[in-house]
Amino acid sequence: MKLNEIKDILNATVVCGQDKMDIEIASGGGADLMTDVLSATAKGSVLLTGQNTSEVIEICIMAEVGAVVFVRGKQPSKSVVELAQTNSIPILRTHESMFVACGRLYMQGLRGMDGSW
């Protein structure tokens, strides 16, 4: 599924990475506990989270996550956005809850990974 499709499904706004909306997202998962993200195979996935700290982006860099969606309308700080931009990680934000956002993506065909978050 293209990141642009995820944006549309979640009625999300692009915080950064507008030029990356055509990347293919292989799978996805939702987590607020970043150790859960590290323990799953996340390469090329989308992470849905309510945590909007720089730690999220640092974990995404290590896990090679393809994009981040902040749920519940969370707005990342300027430093979080700059870190994501520097590392070419697109950020979207939606007002949906994590439960609803994950459910909508699942209903549209995006699946989790083995050992999902």
PDB file of N, CA and C in Angstrom:
ATOM      1  N   MET A   1       0.841  -1.167   0.000  1.00  0.00           N
ATOM      2  CA  MET A   1       0.000   0.000   0.000  1.00  0.00           C
ATOM      3  C   MET A   1       0.895   1.242   0.000  1.00  0.00           C
ATOM      4  N   LYS A   2       0.563   2.186  -0.815  1.00  0.00           N
ATOM      5  CA  LYS A   2       1.323   3.434  -0.874  1.00  0.00           C
ATOM      6  C   LYS A   2       1.017   4.300   0.357  1.00  0.00           C
ATOM      7  N   LEU A   3       2.005   5.071   0.774  1.00  0.00           N
ATOM      8  CA  LEU A   3       1.844   5.949   1.927  1.00  0.00           C
ATOM      9  C   LEU A   3       0.724   6.956   1.681  1.00  0.00           C
ATOM     10  N   ASN A   4       0.565   7.388   0.450  1.00  0.00           N
ATOM     11  CA  ASN A   4      -0.507   8.318   0.118  1.00  0.00           C
ATOM     12  C   ASN A   4      -1.879   7.702   0.395  1.00  0.00           C
ATOM     13  N   GLU A   5      -2.018   6.393   0.149  1.00  0.00           N
ATOM     14  CA  GLU A   5      -3.273   5.699   0.447  1.00  0.00           C
ATOM     15  C   GLU A   5      -3.529   5.679   1.961  1.00  0.00           C
ATOM     16  N   ILE A   6      -2.476   5.459   2.727  1.00  0.00           N
ATOM     17  CA  ILE A   6      -2.591   5.466   4.183  1.00  0.00           C
ATOM     18  C   ILE A   6      -3.054   6.844   4.648  1.00  0.00           C
ATOM     19  N   LYS A   7      -2.464   7.867   4.071  1.00  0.00           N
ATOM     20  CA  LYS A   7      -2.862   9.244   4.392  1.00  0.00           C
ATOM     21  C   LYS A   7      -4.354   9.440   4.145  1.00  0.00           C
ATOM     22  N   ASP A   8      -4.838   8.981   3.011  1.00  0.00           N
ATOM     23  CA  ASP A   8      -6.251   9.153   2.671  1.00  0.00           C
ATOM     24  C   ASP A   8      -7.161   8.334   3.584  1.00  0.00           C
ATOM     25  N   ILE A   9      -6.797   7.089   3.846  1.00  0.00           N
ATOM     26  CA  ILE A   9      -7.602   6.204   4.693  1.00  0.00           C
ATOM     27  C   ILE A   9      -7.752   6.782   6.097  1.00  0.00           C
ATOM     28  N   LEU A  10      -6.681   7.364   6.600  1.00  0.00           N
ATOM     29  CA  LEU A  10      -6.690   7.894   7.969  1.00  0.00           C
ATOM     30  C   LEU A  10      -7.075   9.364   8.049  1.00  0.00           C
ATOM     31  N   ASN A  11      -7.372   9.954   6.887  1.00  0.00           N
ATOM     32  CA  ASN A  11      -7.687  11.383   6.861  1.00  0.00           C
ATOM     33  C   ASN A  11      -6.584  12.155   7.572  1.00  0.00           C
ATOM     34  N   ALA A  12      -5.354  11.787   7.258  1.00  0.00           N
ATOM     35  CA  ALA A  12      -4.179  12.324   7.939  1.00  0.00           C
ATOM     36  C   ALA A  12      -3.603  13.526   7.201  1.00  0.00           C
ATOM     37  N   THR A  13      -2.802  14.279   7.923  1.00  0.00           N
ATOM     38  CA  THR A  13      -2.055  15.369   7.318  1.00  0.00           C
ATOM     39  C   THR A  13      -0.576  14.988   7.315  1.00  0.00           C
ATOM     40  N   VAL A  14       0.133  15.504   6.347  1.00  0.00           N
ATOM     41  CA  VAL A  14       1.565  15.240   6.244  1.00  0.00           C
ATOM     42  C   VAL A  14       2.300  16.302   7.052  1.00  0.00           C
ATOM     43  N   VAL A  15       3.087  15.855   8.008  1.00  0.00           N
ATOM     44  CA  VAL A  15       3.898  16.772   8.815  1.00  0.00           C
ATOM     45  C   VAL A  15       5.230  17.015   8.123  1.00  0.00           C
ATOM     46  N   CYS A  16       5.823  15.945   7.610  1.00  0.00           N
ATOM     47  CA  CYS A  16       7.037  16.059   6.812  1.00  0.00           C
ATOM     48  C   CYS A  16       7.145  14.837   5.906  1.00  0.00           C
ATOM     49  N   GLY A  17       7.880  14.981   4.826  1.00  0.00           N
ATOM     50  CA  GLY A  17       8.059  13.879   3.892  1.00  0.00           C
ATOM     51  C   GLY A  17       7.054  13.865   2.759  1.00  0.00           C
ATOM     52  N   GLN A  18       6.529  15.020   2.411  1.00  0.00           N
ATOM     53  CA  GLN A  18       5.554  15.115   1.319  1.00  0.00           C
ATOM     54  C   GLN A  18       6.080  14.461   0.040  1.00  0.00           C
ATOM     55  N   ASP A  19       7.376  14.523  -0.185  1.00  0.00           N
ATOM     56  CA  ASP A  19       7.976  13.945  -1.382  1.00  0.00           C
ATOM     57  C   ASP A  19       8.083  12.416  -1.312  1.00  0.00           C
ATOM     58  N   LYS A  20       7.689  11.816  -0.197  1.00  0.00           N
ATOM     59  CA  LYS A  20       7.798  10.371  -0.015  1.00  0.00           C
ATOM     60  C   LYS A  20       6.432   9.684  -0.015  1.00  0.00           C
ATOM     61  N   MET A  21       5.404  10.372  -0.422  1.00  0.00           N
ATOM     62  CA  MET A  21       4.051   9.821  -0.357  1.00  0.00           C
ATOM     63  C   MET A  21       3.822   8.649  -1.310  1.00  0.00           C
ATOM     64  N   ASP A  22       4.734   8.437  -2.238  1.00  0.00           N
ATOM     65  CA  ASP A  22       4.562   7.320  -3.172  1.00  0.00           C
ATOM     66  C   ASP A  22       5.337   6.068  -2.762  1.00  0.00           C
ATOM     67  N   ILE A  23       5.953   6.065  -1.564  1.00  0.00           N
ATOM     68  CA  ILE A  23       6.681   4.869  -1.138  1.00  0.00           C
ATOM     69  C   ILE A  23       5.693   3.755  -0.808  1.00  0.00           C
ATOM     70  N   GLU A  24       6.149   2.544  -0.995  1.00  0.00           N
ATOM     71  CA  GLU A  24       5.341   1.363  -0.702  1.00  0.00           C
ATOM     72  C   GLU A  24       5.554   0.962   0.749  1.00  0.00           C
ATOM     73  N   ILE A  25       4.459   0.785   1.456  1.00  0.00           N
ATOM     74  CA  ILE A  25       4.497   0.353   2.850  1.00  0.00           C
ATOM     75  C   ILE A  25       4.111  -1.121   2.880  1.00  0.00           C
ATOM     76  N   ALA A  26       5.002  -1.947   3.399  1.00  0.00           N
ATOM     77  CA  ALA A  26       4.826  -3.396   3.367  1.00  0.00           C
ATOM     78  C   ALA A  26       3.843  -3.905   4.413  1.00  0.00           C
ATOM     79  N   SER A  27       3.847  -3.295   5.584  1.00  0.00           N
ATOM     80  CA  SER A  27       3.007  -3.754   6.684  1.00  0.00           C
ATOM     81  C   SER A  27       2.929  -2.639   7.714  1.00  0.00           C
ATOM     82  N   GLY A  28       2.248  -2.899   8.804  1.00  0.00           N
ATOM     83  CA  GLY A  28       2.131  -1.863   9.808  1.00  0.00           C
ATOM     84  C   GLY A  28       1.856  -2.413  11.182  1.00  0.00           C
ATOM     85  N   GLY A  29       1.929  -1.515  12.146  1.00  0.00           N
ATOM     86  CA  GLY A  29       1.636  -1.883  13.517  1.00  0.00           C
ATOM     87  C   GLY A  29       1.493  -0.655  14.369  1.00  0.00           C
ATOM     88  N   GLY A  30       0.846  -0.839  15.513  1.00  0.00           N
ATOM     89  CA  GLY A  30       0.657   0.254  16.439  1.00  0.00           C
ATOM     90  C   GLY A  30       1.329  -0.058  17.766  1.00  0.00           C
ATOM     91  N   ALA A  31       2.065   0.899  18.298  1.00  0.00           N
ATOM     92  CA  ALA A  31       2.739   0.697  19.583  1.00  0.00           C
ATOM     93  C   ALA A  31       3.084   2.034  20.209  1.00  0.00           C
ATOM     94  N   ASP A  32       2.975   2.064  21.531  1.00  0.00           N
ATOM     95  CA  ASP A  32       3.467   3.205  22.291  1.00  0.00           C
ATOM     96  C   ASP A  32       4.720   2.818  23.059  1.00  0.00           C
ATOM     97  N   LEU A  33       4.969   1.534  23.176  1.00  0.00           N
ATOM     98  CA  LEU A  33       6.152   1.030  23.857  1.00  0.00           C
ATOM     99  C   LEU A  33       7.216   0.733  22.792  1.00  0.00           C
ATOM    100  N   MET A  34       8.258   1.537  22.758  1.00  0.00           N
ATOM    101  CA  MET A  34       9.234   1.441  21.676  1.00  0.00           C
ATOM    102  C   MET A  34      10.039   0.139  21.699  1.00  0.00           C
ATOM    103  N   THR A  35      10.146  -0.513  22.833  1.00  0.00           N
ATOM    104  CA  THR A  35      10.830  -1.811  22.842  1.00  0.00           C
ATOM    105  C   THR A  35      10.038  -2.829  22.034  1.00  0.00           C
ATOM    106  N   ASP A  36       8.721  -2.657  21.953  1.00  0.00           N
ATOM    107  CA  ASP A  36       7.906  -3.540  21.116  1.00  0.00           C
ATOM    108  C   ASP A  36       8.255  -3.352  19.640  1.00  0.00           C
ATOM    109  N   VAL A  37       8.529  -2.124  19.263  1.00  0.00           N
ATOM    110  CA  VAL A  37       8.889  -1.841  17.869  1.00  0.00           C
ATOM    111  C   VAL A  37      10.225  -2.493  17.538  1.00  0.00           C
ATOM    112  N   LEU A  38      11.178  -2.394  18.452  1.00  0.00           N
ATOM    113  CA  LEU A  38      12.493  -2.997  18.220  1.00  0.00           C
ATOM    114  C   LEU A  38      12.440  -4.518  18.156  1.00  0.00           C
ATOM    115  N   SER A  39      11.484  -5.111  18.859  1.00  0.00           N
ATOM    116  CA  SER A  39      11.432  -6.572  18.895  1.00  0.00           C
ATOM    117  C   SER A  39      10.741  -7.169  17.678  1.00  0.00           C
ATOM    118  N   ALA A  40      10.105  -6.358  16.872  1.00  0.00           N
ATOM    119  CA  ALA A  40       9.420  -6.843  15.660  1.00  0.00           C
ATOM    120  C   ALA A  40      10.243  -6.478  14.433  1.00  0.00           C
ATOM    121  N   THR A  41      10.041  -7.228  13.377  1.00  0.00           N
ATOM    122  CA  THR A  41      10.678  -6.896  12.110  1.00  0.00           C
ATOM    123  C   THR A  41       9.868  -5.783  11.474  1.00  0.00           C
ATOM    124  N   ALA A  42      10.414  -4.595  11.433  1.00  0.00           N
ATOM    125  CA  ALA A  42       9.626  -3.426  11.046  1.00  0.00           C
ATOM    126  C   ALA A  42      10.091  -2.757   9.759  1.00  0.00           C
ATOM    127  N   LYS A  43      11.061  -3.329   9.087  1.00  0.00           N
ATOM    128  CA  LYS A  43      11.615  -2.667   7.903  1.00  0.00           C
ATOM    129  C   LYS A  43      10.528  -2.370   6.867  1.00  0.00           C
ATOM    130  N   GLY A  44      10.442  -1.107   6.499  1.00  0.00           N
ATOM    131  CA  GLY A  44       9.491  -0.686   5.474  1.00  0.00           C
ATOM    132  C   GLY A  44       8.056  -0.576   5.954  1.00  0.00           C
ATOM    133  N   SER A  45       7.831  -0.696   7.250  1.00  0.00           N
ATOM    134  CA  SER A  45       6.478  -0.653   7.802  1.00  0.00           C
ATOM    135  C   SER A  45       6.078   0.761   8.199  1.00  0.00           C
ATOM    136  N   VAL A  46       4.814   0.908   8.521  1.00  0.00           N
ATOM    137  CA  VAL A  46       4.326   2.154   9.104  1.00  0.00           C
ATOM    138  C   VAL A  46       4.076   1.898  10.584  1.00  0.00           C
ATOM    139  N   LEU A  47       4.547   2.802  11.410  1.00  0.00           N
ATOM    140  CA  LEU A  47       4.325   2.741  12.848  1.00  0.00           C
ATOM    141  C   LEU A  47       3.259   3.756  13.219  1.00  0.00           C
ATOM    142  N   LEU A  48       2.207   3.293  13.864  1.00  0.00           N
ATOM    143  CA  LEU A  48       1.196   4.176  14.420  1.00  0.00           C
ATOM    144  C   LEU A  48       1.455   4.269  15.911  1.00  0.00           C
ATOM    145  N   THR A  49       1.555   5.486  16.424  1.00  0.00           N
ATOM    146  CA  THR A  49       1.899   5.664  17.834  1.00  0.00           C
ATOM    147  C   THR A  49       1.337   6.970  18.384  1.00  0.00           C
ATOM    148  N   GLY A  50       1.129   6.973  19.687  1.00  0.00           N
ATOM    149  CA  GLY A  50       0.728   8.188  20.377  1.00  0.00           C
ATOM    150  C   GLY A  50       1.905   8.877  21.042  1.00  0.00           C
ATOM    151  N   GLN A  51       3.059   8.244  20.973  1.00  0.00           N
ATOM    152  CA  GLN A  51       4.280   8.841  21.523  1.00  0.00           C
ATOM    153  C   GLN A  51       4.886   9.756  20.461  1.00  0.00           C
ATOM    154  N   ASN A  52       5.169  10.986  20.824  1.00  0.00           N
ATOM    155  CA  ASN A  52       5.701  11.922  19.817  1.00  0.00           C
ATOM    156  C   ASN A  52       7.015  12.544  20.272  1.00  0.00           C
ATOM    157  N   THR A  53       7.910  11.684  20.742  1.00  0.00           N
ATOM    158  CA  THR A  53       9.225  12.144  21.202  1.00  0.00           C
ATOM    159  C   THR A  53      10.292  11.777  20.174  1.00  0.00           C
ATOM    160  N   SER A  54      11.466  12.339  20.358  1.00  0.00           N
ATOM    161  CA  SER A  54      12.573  12.014  19.444  1.00  0.00           C
ATOM    162  C   SER A  54      12.962  10.542  19.543  1.00  0.00           C
ATOM    163  N   GLU A  55      12.686   9.900  20.698  1.00  0.00           N
ATOM    164  CA  GLU A  55      12.971   8.473  20.842  1.00  0.00           C
ATOM    165  C   GLU A  55      12.242   7.657  19.777  1.00  0.00           C
ATOM    166  N   VAL A  56      11.032   8.052  19.436  1.00  0.00           N
ATOM    167  CA  VAL A  56      10.266   7.337  18.412  1.00  0.00           C
ATOM    168  C   VAL A  56      11.026   7.336  17.090  1.00  0.00           C
ATOM    169  N   ILE A  57      11.527   8.484  16.697  1.00  0.00           N
ATOM    170  CA  ILE A  57      12.252   8.584  15.428  1.00  0.00           C
ATOM    171  C   ILE A  57      13.563   7.812  15.514  1.00  0.00           C
ATOM    172  N   GLU A  58      14.247   7.881  16.639  1.00  0.00           N
ATOM    173  CA  GLU A  58      15.495   7.133  16.802  1.00  0.00           C
ATOM    174  C   GLU A  58      15.262   5.628  16.673  1.00  0.00           C
ATOM    175  N   ILE A  59      14.188   5.129  17.272  1.00  0.00           N
ATOM    176  CA  ILE A  59      13.839   3.712  17.166  1.00  0.00           C
ATOM    177  C   ILE A  59      13.482   3.370  15.723  1.00  0.00           C
ATOM    178  N   CYS A  60      12.755   4.255  15.062  1.00  0.00           N
ATOM    179  CA  CYS A  60      12.380   4.019  13.659  1.00  0.00           C
ATOM    180  C   CYS A  60      13.605   3.953  12.753  1.00  0.00           C
ATOM    181  N   ILE A  61      14.607   4.743  13.058  1.00  0.00           N
ATOM    182  CA  ILE A  61      15.861   4.701  12.288  1.00  0.00           C
ATOM    183  C   ILE A  61      16.503   3.330  12.471  1.00  0.00           C
ATOM    184  N   MET A  62      16.606   2.873  13.716  1.00  0.00           N
ATOM    185  CA  MET A  62      17.229   1.571  13.987  1.00  0.00           C
ATOM    186  C   MET A  62      16.446   0.422  13.373  1.00  0.00           C
ATOM    187  N   ALA A  63      15.113   0.499  13.434  1.00  0.00           N
ATOM    188  CA  ALA A  63      14.268  -0.586  12.946  1.00  0.00           C
ATOM    189  C   ALA A  63      13.944  -0.472  11.453  1.00  0.00           C
ATOM    190  N   GLU A  64      14.423   0.595  10.817  1.00  0.00           N
ATOM    191  CA  GLU A  64      14.185   0.849   9.396  1.00  0.00           C
ATOM    192  C   GLU A  64      12.699   0.931   9.054  1.00  0.00           C
ATOM    193  N   VAL A  65      11.962   1.598   9.937  1.00  0.00           N
ATOM    194  CA  VAL A  65      10.536   1.840   9.719  1.00  0.00           C
ATOM    195  C   VAL A  65      10.391   2.809   8.551  1.00  0.00           C
ATOM    196  N   GLY A  66       9.385   2.586   7.712  1.00  0.00           N
ATOM    197  CA  GLY A  66       9.204   3.405   6.524  1.00  0.00           C
ATOM    198  C   GLY A  66       8.527   4.737   6.764  1.00  0.00           C
ATOM    199  N   ALA A  67       7.635   4.809   7.763  1.00  0.00           N
ATOM    200  CA  ALA A  67       6.899   6.038   8.043  1.00  0.00           C
ATOM    201  C   ALA A  67       6.275   5.943   9.429  1.00  0.00           C
ATOM    202  N   VAL A  68       5.933   7.113   9.979  1.00  0.00           N
ATOM    203  CA  VAL A  68       5.303   7.190  11.293  1.00  0.00           C
ATOM    204  C   VAL A  68       3.999   7.962  11.158  1.00  0.00           C
ATOM    205  N   VAL A  69       2.960   7.457  11.832  1.00  0.00           N
ATOM    206  CA  VAL A  69       1.697   8.186  11.939  1.00  0.00           C
ATOM    207  C   VAL A  69       1.437   8.429  13.419  1.00  0.00           C
ATOM    208  N   PHE A  70       1.375   9.697  13.803  1.00  0.00           N
ATOM    209  CA  PHE A  70       1.021  10.038  15.173  1.00  0.00           C
ATOM    210  C   PHE A  70      -0.503  10.075  15.264  1.00  0.00           C
ATOM    211  N   VAL A  71      -1.045   9.316  16.194  1.00  0.00           N
ATOM    212  CA  VAL A  71      -2.493   9.213  16.354  1.00  0.00           C
ATOM    213  C   VAL A  71      -2.985  10.185  17.423  1.00  0.00           C
ATOM    214  N   ARG A  72      -4.296  10.254  17.568  1.00  0.00           N
ATOM    215  CA  ARG A  72      -4.950  11.105  18.568  1.00  0.00           C
ATOM    216  C   ARG A  72      -4.576  12.579  18.430  1.00  0.00           C
ATOM    217  N   GLY A  73      -4.248  12.988  17.201  1.00  0.00           N
ATOM    218  CA  GLY A  73      -3.953  14.396  16.942  1.00  0.00           C
ATOM    219  C   GLY A  73      -2.653  14.900  17.516  1.00  0.00           C
ATOM    220  N   LYS A  74      -1.780  13.993  17.928  1.00  0.00           N
ATOM    221  CA  LYS A  74      -0.499  14.403  18.530  1.00  0.00           C
ATOM    222  C   LYS A  74       0.329  15.199  17.523  1.00  0.00           C
ATOM    223  N   GLN A  75       0.877  16.297  17.978  1.00  0.00           N
ATOM    224  CA  GLN A  75       1.725  17.159  17.139  1.00  0.00           C
ATOM    225  C   GLN A  75       3.169  17.030  17.614  1.00  0.00           C
ATOM    226  N   PRO A  76       4.054  16.543  16.762  1.00  0.00           N
ATOM    227  CA  PRO A  76       5.460  16.428  17.169  1.00  0.00           C
ATOM    228  C   PRO A  76       6.120  17.801  17.248  1.00  0.00           C
ATOM    229  N   SER A  77       7.131  17.865  18.099  1.00  0.00           N
ATOM    230  CA  SER A  77       7.886  19.109  18.241  1.00  0.00           C
ATOM    231  C   SER A  77       8.752  19.350  17.004  1.00  0.00           C
ATOM    232  N   LYS A  78       9.255  20.552  16.914  1.00  0.00           N
ATOM    233  CA  LYS A  78      10.130  20.928  15.799  1.00  0.00           C
ATOM    234  C   LYS A  78      11.363  20.018  15.746  1.00  0.00           C
ATOM    235  N   SER A  79      11.925  19.690  16.899  1.00  0.00           N
ATOM    236  CA  SER A  79      13.123  18.842  16.918  1.00  0.00           C
ATOM    237  C   SER A  79      12.823  17.426  16.433  1.00  0.00           C
ATOM    238  N   VAL A  80      11.637  16.915  16.740  1.00  0.00           N
ATOM    239  CA  VAL A  80      11.238  15.586  16.254  1.00  0.00           C
ATOM    240  C   VAL A  80      11.097  15.611  14.735  1.00  0.00           C
ATOM    241  N   VAL A  81      10.458  16.641  14.236  1.00  0.00           N
ATOM    242  CA  VAL A  81      10.270  16.777  12.784  1.00  0.00           C
ATOM    243  C   VAL A  81      11.624  16.911  12.082  1.00  0.00           C
ATOM    244  N   GLU A  82      12.511  17.708  12.628  1.00  0.00           N
ATOM    245  CA  GLU A  82      13.841  17.884  12.020  1.00  0.00           C
ATOM    246  C   GLU A  82      14.617  16.576  11.998  1.00  0.00           C
ATOM    247  N   LEU A  83      14.538  15.786  13.074  1.00  0.00           N
ATOM    248  CA  LEU A  83      15.220  14.495  13.118  1.00  0.00           C
ATOM    249  C   LEU A  83      14.647  13.548  12.062  1.00  0.00           C
ATOM    250  N   ALA A  84      13.333  13.556  11.919  1.00  0.00           N
ATOM    251  CA  ALA A  84      12.693  12.717  10.898  1.00  0.00           C
ATOM    252  C   ALA A  84      13.105  13.161   9.493  1.00  0.00           C
ATOM    253  N   GLN A  85      13.113  14.459   9.252  1.00  0.00           N
ATOM    254  CA  GLN A  85      13.509  14.977   7.942  1.00  0.00           C
ATOM    255  C   GLN A  85      14.951  14.605   7.617  1.00  0.00           C
ATOM    256  N   THR A  86      15.833  14.759   8.578  1.00  0.00           N
ATOM    257  CA  THR A  86      17.243  14.438   8.384  1.00  0.00           C
ATOM    258  C   THR A  86      17.439  12.972   8.012  1.00  0.00           C
ATOM    259  N   ASN A  87      16.559  12.125   8.522  1.00  0.00           N
ATOM    260  CA  ASN A  87      16.686  10.682   8.286  1.00  0.00           C
ATOM    261  C   ASN A  87      15.662  10.140   7.294  1.00  0.00           C
ATOM    262  N   SER A  88      15.023  11.046   6.553  1.00  0.00           N
ATOM    263  CA  SER A  88      14.076  10.687   5.487  1.00  0.00           C
ATOM    264  C   SER A  88      12.940   9.786   5.956  1.00  0.00           C
ATOM    265  N   ILE A  89      12.403  10.090   7.138  1.00  0.00           N
ATOM    266  CA  ILE A  89      11.260   9.344   7.657  1.00  0.00           C
ATOM    267  C   ILE A  89      10.033  10.252   7.600  1.00  0.00           C
ATOM    268  N   PRO A  90       9.076   9.904   6.752  1.00  0.00           N
ATOM    269  CA  PRO A  90       7.856  10.713   6.672  1.00  0.00           C
ATOM    270  C   PRO A  90       7.042  10.612   7.960  1.00  0.00           C
ATOM    271  N   ILE A  91       6.434  11.727   8.335  1.00  0.00           N
ATOM    272  CA  ILE A  91       5.541  11.766   9.489  1.00  0.00           C
ATOM    273  C   ILE A  91       4.175  12.247   9.025  1.00  0.00           C
ATOM    274  N   LEU A  92       3.146  11.510   9.451  1.00  0.00           N
ATOM    275  CA  LEU A  92       1.767  11.918   9.248  1.00  0.00           C
ATOM    276  C   LEU A  92       1.120  12.031  10.622  1.00  0.00           C
ATOM    277  N   ARG A  93      -0.002  12.729  10.689  1.00  0.00           N
ATOM    278  CA  ARG A  93      -0.765  12.761  11.936  1.00  0.00           C
ATOM    279  C   ARG A  93      -2.242  12.672  11.616  1.00  0.00           C
ATOM    280  N   THR A  94      -2.935  11.941  12.487  1.00  0.00           N
ATOM    281  CA  THR A  94      -4.372  11.763  12.339  1.00  0.00           C
ATOM    282  C   THR A  94      -5.041  12.003  13.684  1.00  0.00           C
ATOM    283  N   HIS A  95      -6.282  12.392  13.642  1.00  0.00           N
ATOM    284  CA  HIS A  95      -7.029  12.589  14.882  1.00  0.00           C
ATOM    285  C   HIS A  95      -7.669  11.292  15.362  1.00  0.00           C
ATOM    286  N   GLU A  96      -7.555  10.235  14.566  1.00  0.00           N
ATOM    287  CA  GLU A  96      -8.117   8.946  14.957  1.00  0.00           C
ATOM    288  C   GLU A  96      -7.347   8.352  16.134  1.00  0.00           C
ATOM    289  N   SER A  97      -8.014   7.504  16.903  1.00  0.00           N
ATOM    290  CA  SER A  97      -7.332   6.755  17.948  1.00  0.00           C
ATOM    291  C   SER A  97      -6.465   5.683  17.292  1.00  0.00           C
ATOM    292  N   MET A  98      -5.548   5.110  18.051  1.00  0.00           N
ATOM    293  CA  MET A  98      -4.710   4.058  17.490  1.00  0.00           C
ATOM    294  C   MET A  98      -5.574   2.856  17.082  1.00  0.00           C
ATOM    295  N   PHE A  99      -6.537   2.515  17.901  1.00  0.00           N
ATOM    296  CA  PHE A  99      -7.418   1.386  17.629  1.00  0.00           C
ATOM    297  C   PHE A  99      -8.151   1.568  16.301  1.00  0.00           C
ATOM    298  N   VAL A 100      -8.764   2.719  16.121  1.00  0.00           N
ATOM    299  CA  VAL A 100      -9.523   2.994  14.890  1.00  0.00           C
ATOM    300  C   VAL A 100      -8.588   3.067  13.690  1.00  0.00           C
ATOM    301  N   ALA A 101      -7.453   3.733  13.833  1.00  0.00           N
ATOM    302  CA  ALA A 101      -6.508   3.878  12.719  1.00  0.00           C
ATOM    303  C   ALA A 101      -5.991   2.520  12.267  1.00  0.00           C
ATOM    304  N   CYS A 102      -5.587   1.672  13.213  1.00  0.00           N
ATOM    305  CA  CYS A 102      -5.106   0.334  12.852  1.00  0.00           C
ATOM    306  C   CYS A 102      -6.223  -0.466  12.195  1.00  0.00           C
ATOM    307  N   GLY A 103      -7.427  -0.354  12.733  1.00  0.00           N
ATOM    308  CA  GLY A 103      -8.566  -1.076  12.165  1.00  0.00           C
ATOM    309  C   GLY A 103      -8.873  -0.652  10.744  1.00  0.00           C
ATOM    310  N   ARG A 104      -8.830   0.634  10.486  1.00  0.00           N
ATOM    311  CA  ARG A 104      -9.102   1.125   9.119  1.00  0.00           C
ATOM    312  C   ARG A 104      -8.055   0.619   8.133  1.00  0.00           C
ATOM    313  N   LEU A 105      -6.802   0.655   8.536  1.00  0.00           N
ATOM    314  CA  LEU A 105      -5.749   0.171   7.638  1.00  0.00           C
ATOM    315  C   LEU A 105      -5.889  -1.329   7.405  1.00  0.00           C
ATOM    316  N   TYR A 106      -6.223  -2.064   8.442  1.00  0.00           N
ATOM    317  CA  TYR A 106      -6.413  -3.510   8.303  1.00  0.00           C
ATOM    318  C   TYR A 106      -7.580  -3.803   7.360  1.00  0.00           C
ATOM    319  N   MET A 107      -8.670  -3.086   7.511  1.00  0.00           N
ATOM    320  CA  MET A 107      -9.848  -3.276   6.655  1.00  0.00           C
ATOM    321  C   MET A 107      -9.535  -2.981   5.191  1.00  0.00           C
ATOM    322  N   GLN A 108      -8.537  -2.141   4.945  1.00  0.00           N
ATOM    323  CA  GLN A 108      -8.155  -1.803   3.577  1.00  0.00           C
ATOM    324  C   GLN A 108      -7.030  -2.693   3.052  1.00  0.00           C
ATOM    325  N   GLY A 109      -6.640  -3.697   3.823  1.00  0.00           N
ATOM    326  CA  GLY A 109      -5.691  -4.684   3.317  1.00  0.00           C
ATOM    327  C   GLY A 109      -4.282  -4.627   3.873  1.00  0.00           C
ATOM    328  N   LEU A 110      -3.950  -3.618   4.672  1.00  0.00           N
ATOM    329  CA  LEU A 110      -2.604  -3.558   5.250  1.00  0.00           C
ATOM    330  C   LEU A 110      -2.541  -4.540   6.413  1.00  0.00           C
ATOM    331  N   ARG A 111      -1.553  -5.366   6.430  1.00  0.00           N
ATOM    332  CA  ARG A 111      -1.415  -6.380   7.470  1.00  0.00           C
ATOM    333  C   ARG A 111      -0.235  -6.099   8.371  1.00  0.00           C
ATOM    334  N   GLY A 112      -0.296  -6.706   9.542  1.00  0.00           N
ATOM    335  CA  GLY A 112       0.810  -6.626  10.481  1.00  0.00           C
ATOM    336  C   GLY A 112       1.895  -7.590  10.096  1.00  0.00           C
ATOM    337  N   MET A 113       2.928  -7.608  10.897  1.00  0.00           N
ATOM    338  CA  MET A 113       4.059  -8.498  10.626  1.00  0.00           C
ATOM    339  C   MET A 113       3.965  -9.700  11.530  1.00  0.00           C
ATOM    340  N   ASP A 114       4.708 -10.758  11.212  1.00  0.00           N
ATOM    341  CA  ASP A 114       4.816 -11.868  12.142  1.00  0.00           C
ATOM    342  C   ASP A 114       5.439 -11.319  13.400  1.00  0.00           C
ATOM    343  N   GLY A 115       4.893 -11.653  14.540  1.00  0.00           N
ATOM    344  CA  GLY A 115       5.389 -11.092  15.794  1.00  0.00           C
ATOM    345  C   GLY A 115       4.994  -9.638  15.936  1.00  0.00           C
ATOM    346  N   SER A 116       3.844  -9.263  15.377  1.00  0.00           N
ATOM    347  CA  SER A 116       3.347  -7.895  15.356  1.00  0.00           C
ATOM    348  C   SER A 116       3.404  -7.197  16.689  1.00  0.00           C
ATOM    349  N   TRP A 117       3.378  -5.882  16.599  1.00  0.00           N
ATOM    350  CA  TRP A 117       3.394  -5.049  17.798  1.00  0.00           C
ATOM    351  C   TRP A 117       2.091  -5.206  18.516  1.00  0.00           C
TER     352      TRP A 117
END
